[in-house]
C-alpha atoms as a PDB file:
ATOM      1  CA  MET A   1     204.787 126.300  -1.370  1.00  0.00           C
ATOM      2  CA  ALA A   2     203.131 125.027  -4.523  1.00  0.00           C
ATOM      3  CA  TYR A   3     200.800 122.048  -4.578  1.00  0.00           C
ATOM      4  CA  ARG A   4     202.319 118.957  -6.198  1.00  0.00           C
ATOM      5  CA  PRO A   5     199.844 116.219  -7.076  1.00  0.00           C
ATOM      6  CA  SER A   6     200.634 112.651  -6.081  1.00  0.00           C
ATOM      7  CA  GLU A   7     201.906 110.129  -8.609  1.00  0.00           C
ATOM      8  CA  ARG A   8     198.486 108.477  -8.906  1.00  0.00           C
ATOM      9  CA  SER A   9     196.818 111.845  -9.468  1.00  0.00           C
ATOM     10  CA  ARG A  10     199.360 112.756 -12.132  1.00  0.00           C
ATOM     11  CA  LYS A  11     198.749 109.519 -13.990  1.00  0.00           C
ATOM     12  CA  LEU A  12     194.965 109.923 -13.843  1.00  0.00           C
ATOM     13  CA  ILE A  13     195.126 113.533 -15.041  1.00  0.00           C
ATOM     14  CA  GLY A  14     197.636 112.563 -17.719  1.00  0.00           C
ATOM     15  CA  ILE A  15     195.602 109.659 -19.084  1.00  0.00           C
ATOM     16  CA  LEU A  16     192.456 111.784 -19.240  1.00  0.00           C
ATOM     17  CA  ALA A  17     194.397 114.555 -20.987  1.00  0.00           C
ATOM     18  CA  VAL A  18     195.812 112.066 -23.518  1.00  0.00           C
ATOM     19  CA  ILE A  19     192.343 110.724 -24.314  1.00  0.00           C
ATOM     20  CA  VAL A  20     190.891 114.210 -24.783  1.00  0.00           C
ATOM     21  CA  TYR A  21     193.887 115.467 -26.783  1.00  0.00           C
ATOM     22  CA  LEU A  22     193.993 112.470 -29.128  1.00  0.00           C
ATOM     23  CA  THR A  23     190.248 112.587 -29.723  1.00  0.00           C
ATOM     24  CA  ILE A  24     190.390 116.263 -30.684  1.00  0.00           C
ATOM     25  CA  TYR A  25     193.628 115.859 -32.664  1.00  0.00           C
ATOM     26  CA  CYS A  26     192.307 112.907 -34.681  1.00  0.00           C
ATOM     27  CA  PHE A  27     189.100 114.752 -35.505  1.00  0.00           C
ATOM     28  CA  PHE A  28     190.892 117.875 -36.722  1.00  0.00           C
ATOM     29  CA  ALA A  29     193.674 115.993 -38.529  1.00  0.00           C
ATOM     30  CA  ALA A  30     191.126 113.888 -40.407  1.00  0.00           C
ATOM     31  CA  ALA A  31     188.938 116.898 -41.215  1.00  0.00           C
ATOM     32  CA  LEU A  32     191.918 118.930 -42.413  1.00  0.00           C
ATOM     33  CA  GLY A  33     193.202 115.985 -44.436  1.00  0.00           C
ATOM     34  CA  GLU A  34     189.834 115.509 -46.075  1.00  0.00           C
ATOM     35  CA  TRP A  35     189.669 119.192 -46.948  1.00  0.00           C
ATOM     36  CA  LEU A  36     193.266 119.543 -48.184  1.00  0.00           C
ATOM     37  CA  VAL A  37     194.330 116.290 -49.806  1.00  0.00           C
ATOM     38  CA  LEU A  38     191.347 114.041 -50.421  1.00  0.00           C
ATOM     39  CA  GLY A  39     191.026 113.513 -54.142  1.00  0.00           C
ATOM     40  CA  ASN A  40     194.466 114.928 -54.972  1.00  0.00           C
ATOM     41  CA  GLY A  41     196.056 111.516 -55.365  1.00  0.00           C
ATOM     42  CA  VAL A  42     196.985 108.623 -53.176  1.00  0.00           C
ATOM     43  CA  GLY A  43     200.567 109.843 -52.777  1.00  0.00           C
ATOM     44  CA  TRP A  44     199.468 113.126 -51.210  1.00  0.00           C
ATOM     45  CA  GLU A  45     197.004 111.338 -48.948  1.00  0.00           C
ATOM     46  CA  ILE A  46     199.610 108.850 -47.714  1.00  0.00           C
ATOM     47  CA  THR A  47     202.134 111.634 -47.146  1.00  0.00           C
ATOM     48  CA  TYR A  48     199.685 113.844 -45.238  1.00  0.00           C
ATOM     49  CA  PHE A  49     198.336 111.101 -43.005  1.00  0.00           C
ATOM     50  CA  ALA A  50     201.825 109.691 -42.342  1.00  0.00           C
ATOM     51  CA  ILE A  51     202.986 113.124 -41.175  1.00  0.00           C
ATOM     52  CA  ALA A  52     199.789 113.750 -39.199  1.00  0.00           C
ATOM     53  CA  GLY A  53     200.132 110.299 -37.640  1.00  0.00           C
ATOM     54  CA  PHE A  54     203.650 111.122 -36.487  1.00  0.00           C
ATOM     55  CA  ILE A  55     203.288 114.726 -35.281  1.00  0.00           C
ATOM     56  CA  TRP A  56     200.832 114.017 -32.456  1.00  0.00           C
ATOM     57  CA  ILE A  57     203.549 112.490 -30.282  1.00  0.00           C
ATOM     58  CA  PHE A  58     205.586 115.667 -29.738  1.00  0.00           C
ATOM     59  CA  PRO A  59     203.088 117.463 -27.448  1.00  0.00           C
ATOM     60  CA  ILE A  60     202.416 114.198 -25.619  1.00  0.00           C
ATOM     61  CA  ILE A  61     206.090 113.703 -24.718  1.00  0.00           C
ATOM     62  CA  LYS A  62     205.988 116.633 -22.268  1.00  0.00           C
ATOM     63  CA  LEU A  63     202.836 115.253 -20.704  1.00  0.00           C
ATOM     64  CA  PHE A  64     204.418 111.805 -20.287  1.00  0.00           C
ATOM     65  CA  ARG A  65     207.460 113.388 -18.652  1.00  0.00           C
ATOM     66  CA  TRP A  66     205.207 115.275 -16.260  1.00  0.00           C
ATOM     67  CA  MET A  67     203.242 112.112 -15.494  1.00  0.00           C
ATOM     68  CA  ASP A  68     206.361 110.102 -14.674  1.00  0.00           C
ATOM     69  CA  ASP A  69     208.249 113.084 -13.235  1.00  0.00           C
ATOM     70  CA  LEU A  70     211.380 112.110 -15.172  1.00  0.00           C
ATOM     71  CA  ILE A  71     213.003 115.428 -14.397  1.00  0.00           C
ATOM     72  CA  LYS A  72     213.582 115.183 -10.659  1.00  0.00           C
ATOM     73  CA  ARG A  73     213.579 118.560  -9.010  1.00  0.00           C
END
């Protein structure tokens, strides 16, 4: 029988994971954006940072589902 953390534990682990993930993601997205598009025109910068600002949510969706246990087993 596998260990299943309680709802409070899941939320605590999830919130800590979100904070760590977003901190690392923002650092790397900004560094990559500075290296790739900075100085190439405002249009490229807006496009890159709009995409980078949208992409972060996809990995977090699975974590939110796990935190709330939306898929009842």
